[in-house]
PDB file of all heavy atoms in Angstrom:
ATOM      1  N   LEU A   1      18.714 -20.556  -7.336  1.00  0.00           N
ATOM      2  CA  LEU A   1      17.981 -19.803  -8.350  1.00  0.00           C
ATOM      3  C   LEU A   1      16.584 -19.384  -7.861  1.00  0.00           C
ATOM      4  O   LEU A   1      15.962 -18.531  -8.481  1.00  0.00           O
ATOM      5  CB  LEU A   1      17.863 -20.580  -9.654  1.00  0.00           C
ATOM      6  CG  LEU A   1      19.174 -20.738 -10.424  1.00  0.00           C
ATOM      7  CD1 LEU A   1      18.952 -21.627 -11.657  1.00  0.00           C
ATOM      8  CD2 LEU A   1      19.731 -19.390 -10.838  1.00  0.00           C
ATOM      9  N   GLN A   2      16.122 -19.997  -6.800  1.00  0.00           N
ATOM     10  CA  GLN A   2      14.779 -19.650  -6.286  1.00  0.00           C
ATOM     11  C   GLN A   2      14.837 -18.607  -5.160  1.00  0.00           C
ATOM     12  O   GLN A   2      13.805 -18.221  -4.644  1.00  0.00           O
ATOM     13  CB  GLN A   2      14.061 -20.904  -5.782  1.00  0.00           C
ATOM     14  CG  GLN A   2      13.693 -21.837  -6.909  1.00  0.00           C
ATOM     15  CD  GLN A   2      12.954 -23.055  -6.404  1.00  0.00           C
ATOM     16  OE1 GLN A   2      12.846 -23.297  -5.219  1.00  0.00           O
ATOM     17  NE2 GLN A   2      12.395 -23.789  -7.338  1.00  0.00           N
ATOM     18  N   ARG A   3      16.005 -18.148  -4.830  1.00  0.00           N
ATOM     19  CA  ARG A   3      16.083 -17.145  -3.768  1.00  0.00           C
ATOM     20  C   ARG A   3      16.041 -15.752  -4.382  1.00  0.00           C
ATOM     21  O   ARG A   3      16.386 -15.579  -5.547  1.00  0.00           O
ATOM     22  CB  ARG A   3      17.338 -17.349  -2.927  1.00  0.00           C
ATOM     23  CG  ARG A   3      18.597 -17.012  -3.635  1.00  0.00           C
ATOM     24  CD  ARG A   3      19.803 -17.221  -2.776  1.00  0.00           C
ATOM     25  NE  ARG A   3      20.973 -16.978  -3.601  1.00  0.00           N
ATOM     26  CZ  ARG A   3      22.183 -16.896  -3.126  1.00  0.00           C
ATOM     27  NH1 ARG A   3      22.404 -17.053  -1.856  1.00  0.00           N
ATOM     28  NH2 ARG A   3      23.178 -16.681  -3.917  1.00  0.00           N
ATOM     29  N   PHE A   4      15.605 -14.820  -3.609  1.00  0.00           N
ATOM     30  CA  PHE A   4      15.669 -13.420  -4.009  1.00  0.00           C
ATOM     31  C   PHE A   4      15.850 -12.563  -2.766  1.00  0.00           C
ATOM     32  O   PHE A   4      15.651 -13.025  -1.661  1.00  0.00           O
ATOM     33  CB  PHE A   4      14.436 -12.983  -4.839  1.00  0.00           C
ATOM     34  CG  PHE A   4      13.120 -13.321  -4.224  1.00  0.00           C
ATOM     35  CD1 PHE A   4      12.524 -12.525  -3.292  1.00  0.00           C
ATOM     36  CD2 PHE A   4      12.426 -14.457  -4.640  1.00  0.00           C
ATOM     37  CE1 PHE A   4      11.309 -12.832  -2.728  1.00  0.00           C
ATOM     38  CE2 PHE A   4      11.210 -14.789  -4.099  1.00  0.00           C
ATOM     39  CZ  PHE A   4      10.649 -13.958  -3.147  1.00  0.00           C
ATOM     40  N   THR A   5      16.229 -11.320  -3.011  1.00  0.00           N
ATOM     41  CA  THR A   5      16.577 -10.438  -1.886  1.00  0.00           C
ATOM     42  C   THR A   5      15.452  -9.455  -1.605  1.00  0.00           C
ATOM     43  O   THR A   5      14.485  -9.354  -2.362  1.00  0.00           O
ATOM     44  CB  THR A   5      17.839  -9.618  -2.259  1.00  0.00           C
ATOM     45  OG1 THR A   5      17.518  -8.764  -3.366  1.00  0.00           O
ATOM     46  CG2 THR A   5      19.009 -10.550  -2.652  1.00  0.00           C
ATOM     47  N   LYS A   6      15.613  -8.715  -0.537  1.00  0.00           N
ATOM     48  CA  LYS A   6      14.637  -7.704  -0.194  1.00  0.00           C
ATOM     49  C   LYS A   6      14.539  -6.627  -1.276  1.00  0.00           C
ATOM     50  O   LYS A   6      13.487  -6.069  -1.542  1.00  0.00           O
ATOM     51  CB  LYS A   6      14.969  -7.068   1.170  1.00  0.00           C
ATOM     52  CG  LYS A   6      16.273  -6.292   1.152  1.00  0.00           C
ATOM     53  CD  LYS A   6      16.643  -5.784   2.521  1.00  0.00           C
ATOM     54  CE  LYS A   6      17.933  -4.982   2.444  1.00  0.00           C
ATOM     55  NZ  LYS A   6      18.402  -4.562   3.735  1.00  0.00           N
ATOM     56  N   THR A   7      15.660  -6.329  -1.934  1.00  0.00           N
ATOM     57  CA  THR A   7      15.654  -5.360  -3.004  1.00  0.00           C
ATOM     58  C   THR A   7      14.921  -5.889  -4.222  1.00  0.00           C
ATOM     59  O   THR A   7      14.269  -5.131  -4.967  1.00  0.00           O
ATOM     60  CB  THR A   7      17.064  -4.857  -3.350  1.00  0.00           C
ATOM     61  OG1 THR A   7      17.880  -5.965  -3.723  1.00  0.00           O
ATOM     62  CG2 THR A   7      17.687  -4.104  -2.191  1.00  0.00           C
ATOM     63  N   ASP A   8      14.995  -7.218  -4.430  1.00  0.00           N
ATOM     64  CA  ASP A   8      14.216  -7.834  -5.526  1.00  0.00           C
ATOM     65  C   ASP A   8      12.730  -7.686  -5.231  1.00  0.00           C
ATOM     66  O   ASP A   8      11.946  -7.377  -6.116  1.00  0.00           O
ATOM     67  CB  ASP A   8      14.576  -9.293  -5.687  1.00  0.00           C
ATOM     68  CG  ASP A   8      15.959  -9.540  -6.212  1.00  0.00           C
ATOM     69  OD1 ASP A   8      16.487  -8.692  -6.943  1.00  0.00           O
ATOM     70  OD2 ASP A   8      16.541 -10.616  -5.871  1.00  0.00           O
ATOM     71  N   VAL A   9      12.344  -7.926  -3.974  1.00  0.00           N
ATOM     72  CA  VAL A   9      10.941  -7.797  -3.583  1.00  0.00           C
ATOM     73  C   VAL A   9      10.449  -6.403  -3.884  1.00  0.00           C
ATOM     74  O   VAL A   9       9.369  -6.205  -4.456  1.00  0.00           O
ATOM     75  CB  VAL A   9      10.751  -8.147  -2.084  1.00  0.00           C
ATOM     76  CG1 VAL A   9       9.316  -7.801  -1.624  1.00  0.00           C
ATOM     77  CG2 VAL A   9      11.050  -9.609  -1.831  1.00  0.00           C
ATOM     78  N   ALA A  10      11.227  -5.423  -3.517  1.00  0.00           N
ATOM     79  CA  ALA A  10      10.836  -4.009  -3.773  1.00  0.00           C
ATOM     80  C   ALA A  10      10.644  -3.770  -5.256  1.00  0.00           C
ATOM     81  O   ALA A  10       9.677  -3.131  -5.691  1.00  0.00           O
ATOM     82  CB  ALA A  10      11.889  -3.058  -3.198  1.00  0.00           C
ATOM     83  N   LYS A  11      11.585  -4.277  -6.062  1.00  0.00           N
ATOM     84  CA  LYS A  11      11.481  -4.092  -7.527  1.00  0.00           C
ATOM     85  C   LYS A  11      10.212  -4.758  -8.071  1.00  0.00           C
ATOM     86  O   LYS A  11       9.454  -4.139  -8.828  1.00  0.00           O
ATOM     87  CB  LYS A  11      12.729  -4.651  -8.198  1.00  0.00           C
ATOM     88  CG  LYS A  11      12.691  -4.610  -9.693  1.00  0.00           C
ATOM     89  CD  LYS A  11      13.993  -5.079 -10.328  1.00  0.00           C
ATOM     90  CE  LYS A  11      14.437  -6.420  -9.815  1.00  0.00           C
ATOM     91  NZ  LYS A  11      15.655  -6.912 -10.446  1.00  0.00           N
ATOM     92  N   PHE A  12       9.969  -6.007  -7.675  1.00  0.00           N
ATOM     93  CA  PHE A  12       8.764  -6.694  -8.132  1.00  0.00           C
ATOM     94  C   PHE A  12       7.523  -5.923  -7.744  1.00  0.00           C
ATOM     95  O   PHE A  12       6.617  -5.702  -8.569  1.00  0.00           O
ATOM     96  CB  PHE A  12       8.674  -8.113  -7.564  1.00  0.00           C
ATOM     97  CG  PHE A  12       9.845  -9.001  -7.862  1.00  0.00           C
ATOM     98  CD1 PHE A  12      10.206 -10.002  -6.968  1.00  0.00           C
ATOM     99  CD2 PHE A  12      10.599  -8.874  -9.017  1.00  0.00           C
ATOM    100  CE1 PHE A  12      11.291 -10.825  -7.220  1.00  0.00           C
ATOM    101  CE2 PHE A  12      11.678  -9.696  -9.270  1.00  0.00           C
ATOM    102  CZ  PHE A  12      12.021 -10.682  -8.382  1.00  0.00           C
ATOM    103  N   GLU A  13       7.443  -5.508  -6.495  1.00  0.00           N
ATOM    104  CA  GLU A  13       6.266  -4.804  -6.017  1.00  0.00           C
ATOM    105  C   GLU A  13       6.051  -3.488  -6.748  1.00  0.00           C
ATOM    106  O   GLU A  13       4.921  -3.163  -7.144  1.00  0.00           O
ATOM    107  CB  GLU A  13       6.367  -4.548  -4.519  1.00  0.00           C
ATOM    108  CG  GLU A  13       6.326  -5.799  -3.681  1.00  0.00           C
ATOM    109  CD  GLU A  13       4.930  -6.303  -3.390  1.00  0.00           C
ATOM    110  OE1 GLU A  13       4.055  -6.184  -4.268  1.00  0.00           O
ATOM    111  OE2 GLU A  13       4.722  -6.811  -2.308  1.00  0.00           O
ATOM    112  N   MET A  14       7.093  -2.732  -6.946  1.00  0.00           N
ATOM    113  CA  MET A  14       6.983  -1.430  -7.640  1.00  0.00           C
ATOM    114  C   MET A  14       6.542  -1.631  -9.102  1.00  0.00           C
ATOM    115  O   MET A  14       5.722  -0.860  -9.596  1.00  0.00           O
ATOM    116  CB  MET A  14       8.258  -0.622  -7.543  1.00  0.00           C
ATOM    117  CG  MET A  14       8.581  -0.196  -6.113  1.00  0.00           C
ATOM    118  SD  MET A  14       7.193   0.572  -5.243  1.00  0.00           S
ATOM    119  CE  MET A  14       7.769   2.229  -5.057  1.00  0.00           C
ATOM    120  N   VAL A  15       7.057  -2.644  -9.739  1.00  0.00           N
ATOM    121  CA  VAL A  15       6.637  -2.920 -11.133  1.00  0.00           C
ATOM    122  C   VAL A  15       5.161  -3.244 -11.164  1.00  0.00           C
ATOM    123  O   VAL A  15       4.430  -2.730 -11.987  1.00  0.00           O
ATOM    124  CB  VAL A  15       7.504  -4.057 -11.727  1.00  0.00           C
ATOM    125  CG1 VAL A  15       6.870  -4.605 -13.012  1.00  0.00           C
ATOM    126  CG2 VAL A  15       8.912  -3.563 -12.012  1.00  0.00           C
ATOM    127  N   PHE A  16       4.713  -4.126 -10.268  1.00  0.00           N
ATOM    128  CA  PHE A  16       3.324  -4.532 -10.278  1.00  0.00           C
ATOM    129  C   PHE A  16       2.381  -3.454  -9.770  1.00  0.00           C
ATOM    130  O   PHE A  16       1.168  -3.533  -9.994  1.00  0.00           O
ATOM    131  CB  PHE A  16       3.134  -5.869  -9.555  1.00  0.00           C
ATOM    132  CG  PHE A  16       3.593  -7.018 -10.393  1.00  0.00           C
ATOM    133  CD1 PHE A  16       4.920  -7.441 -10.380  1.00  0.00           C
ATOM    134  CD2 PHE A  16       2.712  -7.684 -11.243  1.00  0.00           C
ATOM    135  CE1 PHE A  16       5.342  -8.486 -11.187  1.00  0.00           C
ATOM    136  CE2 PHE A  16       3.126  -8.719 -12.030  1.00  0.00           C
ATOM    137  CZ  PHE A  16       4.455  -9.117 -12.023  1.00  0.00           C
ATOM    138  N   LEU A  17       2.919  -2.443  -9.104  1.00  0.00           N
ATOM    139  CA  LEU A  17       2.148  -1.253  -8.735  1.00  0.00           C
ATOM    140  C   LEU A  17       2.183  -0.221  -9.868  1.00  0.00           C
ATOM    141  O   LEU A  17       1.727   0.899  -9.689  1.00  0.00           O
ATOM    142  CB  LEU A  17       2.693  -0.636  -7.438  1.00  0.00           C
ATOM    143  CG  LEU A  17       2.399  -1.427  -6.165  1.00  0.00           C
ATOM    144  CD1 LEU A  17       3.176  -0.843  -4.995  1.00  0.00           C
ATOM    145  CD2 LEU A  17       0.904  -1.441  -5.870  1.00  0.00           C
ATOM    146  N   GLN A  18       2.748  -0.607 -10.983  1.00  0.00           N
ATOM    147  CA  GLN A  18       2.865   0.233 -12.171  1.00  0.00           C
ATOM    148  C   GLN A  18       3.742   1.439 -11.924  1.00  0.00           C
ATOM    149  O   GLN A  18       3.448   2.565 -12.377  1.00  0.00           O
ATOM    150  CB  GLN A  18       1.501   0.623 -12.723  1.00  0.00           C
ATOM    151  CG  GLN A  18       0.685  -0.600 -13.152  1.00  0.00           C
ATOM    152  CD  GLN A  18      -0.713  -0.240 -13.501  1.00  0.00           C
ATOM    153  OE1 GLN A  18      -1.523   0.062 -12.647  1.00  0.00           O
ATOM    154  NE2 GLN A  18      -0.981  -0.311 -14.795  1.00  0.00           N
ATOM    155  N   LEU A  19       4.834   1.238 -11.223  1.00  0.00           N
ATOM    156  CA  LEU A  19       5.831   2.272 -10.961  1.00  0.00           C
ATOM    157  C   LEU A  19       7.198   1.814 -11.427  1.00  0.00           C
ATOM    158  O   LEU A  19       8.156   1.782 -10.641  1.00  0.00           O
ATOM    159  CB  LEU A  19       5.837   2.620  -9.441  1.00  0.00           C
ATOM    160  CG  LEU A  19       4.520   3.135  -8.877  1.00  0.00           C
ATOM    161  CD1 LEU A  19       4.541   3.119  -7.357  1.00  0.00           C
ATOM    162  CD2 LEU A  19       4.198   4.494  -9.429  1.00  0.00           C
ATOM    163  N   PRO A  20       7.317   1.475 -12.704  1.00  0.00           N
ATOM    164  CA  PRO A  20       8.600   0.927 -13.206  1.00  0.00           C
ATOM    165  C   PRO A  20       9.729   1.939 -13.168  1.00  0.00           C
ATOM    166  O   PRO A  20      10.888   1.552 -13.118  1.00  0.00           O
ATOM    167  CB  PRO A  20       8.282   0.517 -14.620  1.00  0.00           C
ATOM    168  CG  PRO A  20       7.171   1.425 -15.038  1.00  0.00           C
ATOM    169  CD  PRO A  20       6.330   1.615 -13.790  1.00  0.00           C
ATOM    170  N   HIS A  21       9.406   3.222 -13.189  1.00  0.00           N
ATOM    171  CA  HIS A  21      10.458   4.225 -13.106  1.00  0.00           C
ATOM    172  C   HIS A  21      11.152   4.154 -11.757  1.00  0.00           C
ATOM    173  O   HIS A  21      12.374   4.330 -11.678  1.00  0.00           O
ATOM    174  CB  HIS A  21       9.909   5.652 -13.370  1.00  0.00           C
ATOM    175  CG  HIS A  21       8.802   6.056 -12.490  1.00  0.00           C
ATOM    176  ND1 HIS A  21       7.529   5.584 -12.623  1.00  0.00           N
ATOM    177  CD2 HIS A  21       8.764   6.891 -11.443  1.00  0.00           C
ATOM    178  CE1 HIS A  21       6.737   6.099 -11.684  1.00  0.00           C
ATOM    179  NE2 HIS A  21       7.487   6.920 -10.944  1.00  0.00           N
ATOM    180  N   ILE A  22      10.416   3.825 -10.698  1.00  0.00           N
ATOM    181  CA  ILE A  22      11.039   3.655  -9.397  1.00  0.00           C
ATOM    182  C   ILE A  22      11.823   2.368  -9.358  1.00  0.00           C
ATOM    183  O   ILE A  22      12.939   2.330  -8.819  1.00  0.00           O
ATOM    184  CB  ILE A  22       9.963   3.703  -8.275  1.00  0.00           C
ATOM    185  CG1 ILE A  22       9.332   5.113  -8.227  1.00  0.00           C
ATOM    186  CG2 ILE A  22      10.583   3.336  -6.908  1.00  0.00           C
ATOM    187  CD1 ILE A  22       8.164   5.235  -7.288  1.00  0.00           C
ATOM    188  N   ALA A  23      11.307   1.302  -9.941  1.00  0.00           N
ATOM    189  CA  ALA A  23      12.048   0.032 -10.011  1.00  0.00           C
ATOM    190  C   ALA A  23      13.366   0.228 -10.785  1.00  0.00           C
ATOM    191  O   ALA A  23      14.329  -0.505 -10.560  1.00  0.00           O
ATOM    192  CB  ALA A  23      11.199  -1.018 -10.659  1.00  0.00           C
ATOM    193  N   SER A  24      13.386   1.185 -11.681  1.00  0.00           N
ATOM    194  CA  SER A  24      14.593   1.438 -12.501  1.00  0.00           C
ATOM    195  C   SER A  24      15.622   2.317 -11.751  1.00  0.00           C
ATOM    196  O   SER A  24      16.730   2.512 -12.289  1.00  0.00           O
ATOM    197  CB  SER A  24      14.199   2.131 -13.794  1.00  0.00           C
ATOM    198  OG  SER A  24      13.364   1.280 -14.580  1.00  0.00           O
ATOM    199  N   TRP A  25      15.301   2.826 -10.602  1.00  0.00           N
ATOM    200  CA  TRP A  25      16.209   3.701  -9.870  1.00  0.00           C
ATOM    201  C   TRP A  25      17.475   2.969  -9.394  1.00  0.00           C
ATOM    202  O   TRP A  25      18.468   3.615  -9.097  1.00  0.00           O
ATOM    203  CB  TRP A  25      15.538   4.275  -8.649  1.00  0.00           C
ATOM    204  CG  TRP A  25      14.553   5.373  -8.934  1.00  0.00           C
ATOM    205  CD1 TRP A  25      14.263   5.951 -10.122  1.00  0.00           C
ATOM    206  CD2 TRP A  25      13.711   6.010  -7.958  1.00  0.00           C
ATOM    207  NE1 TRP A  25      13.306   6.903  -9.969  1.00  0.00           N
ATOM    208  CE2 TRP A  25      12.939   6.963  -8.644  1.00  0.00           C
ATOM    209  CE3 TRP A  25      13.528   5.860  -6.603  1.00  0.00           C
ATOM    210  CZ2 TRP A  25      12.012   7.775  -8.012  1.00  0.00           C
ATOM    211  CZ3 TRP A  25      12.608   6.665  -5.976  1.00  0.00           C
ATOM    212  CH2 TRP A  25      11.844   7.605  -6.682  1.00  0.00           C
ATOM    213  N   GLY A  26      17.406   1.680  -9.238  1.00  0.00           N
ATOM    214  CA  GLY A  26      18.496   0.931  -8.646  1.00  0.00           C
ATOM    215  C   GLY A  26      17.996   0.260  -7.395  1.00  0.00           C
ATOM    216  O   GLY A  26      17.025   0.695  -6.771  1.00  0.00           O
ATOM    217  N   ALA A  27      18.688  -0.828  -7.001  1.00  0.00           N
ATOM    218  CA  ALA A  27      18.201  -1.680  -5.935  1.00  0.00           C
ATOM    219  C   ALA A  27      17.932  -0.947  -4.621  1.00  0.00           C
ATOM    220  O   ALA A  27      16.838  -1.011  -4.067  1.00  0.00           O
ATOM    221  CB  ALA A  27      19.171  -2.826  -5.720  1.00  0.00           C
ATOM    222  N   GLN A  28      18.942  -0.266  -4.091  1.00  0.00           N
ATOM    223  CA  GLN A  28      18.785   0.335  -2.757  1.00  0.00           C
ATOM    224  C   GLN A  28      17.813   1.516  -2.751  1.00  0.00           C
ATOM    225  O   GLN A  28      17.012   1.641  -1.828  1.00  0.00           O
ATOM    226  CB  GLN A  28      20.155   0.785  -2.214  1.00  0.00           C
ATOM    227  CG  GLN A  28      21.068  -0.386  -1.866  1.00  0.00           C
ATOM    228  CD  GLN A  28      20.459  -1.331  -0.827  1.00  0.00           C
ATOM    229  OE1 GLN A  28      19.798  -0.917   0.114  1.00  0.00           O
ATOM    230  NE2 GLN A  28      20.680  -2.610  -1.010  1.00  0.00           N
ATOM    231  N   LYS A  29      17.882   2.324  -3.768  1.00  0.00           N
ATOM    232  CA  LYS A  29      16.996   3.495  -3.839  1.00  0.00           C
ATOM    233  C   LYS A  29      15.538   3.029  -4.007  1.00  0.00           C
ATOM    234  O   LYS A  29      14.610   3.586  -3.382  1.00  0.00           O
ATOM    235  CB  LYS A  29      17.425   4.422  -4.968  1.00  0.00           C
ATOM    236  CG  LYS A  29      16.812   5.786  -4.895  1.00  0.00           C
ATOM    237  CD  LYS A  29      17.464   6.713  -5.900  1.00  0.00           C
ATOM    238  CE  LYS A  29      16.819   8.081  -5.853  1.00  0.00           C
ATOM    239  NZ  LYS A  29      17.345   8.989  -6.879  1.00  0.00           N
TER     240      LYS A  29
END
């Protein structure tokens, strides 16, 4: 439960950069 993937990292980073629309695109995109 403490592991995460590179796509999770991208999602977290984009959300915290206030770009949730990009985080909503889907993991790979």
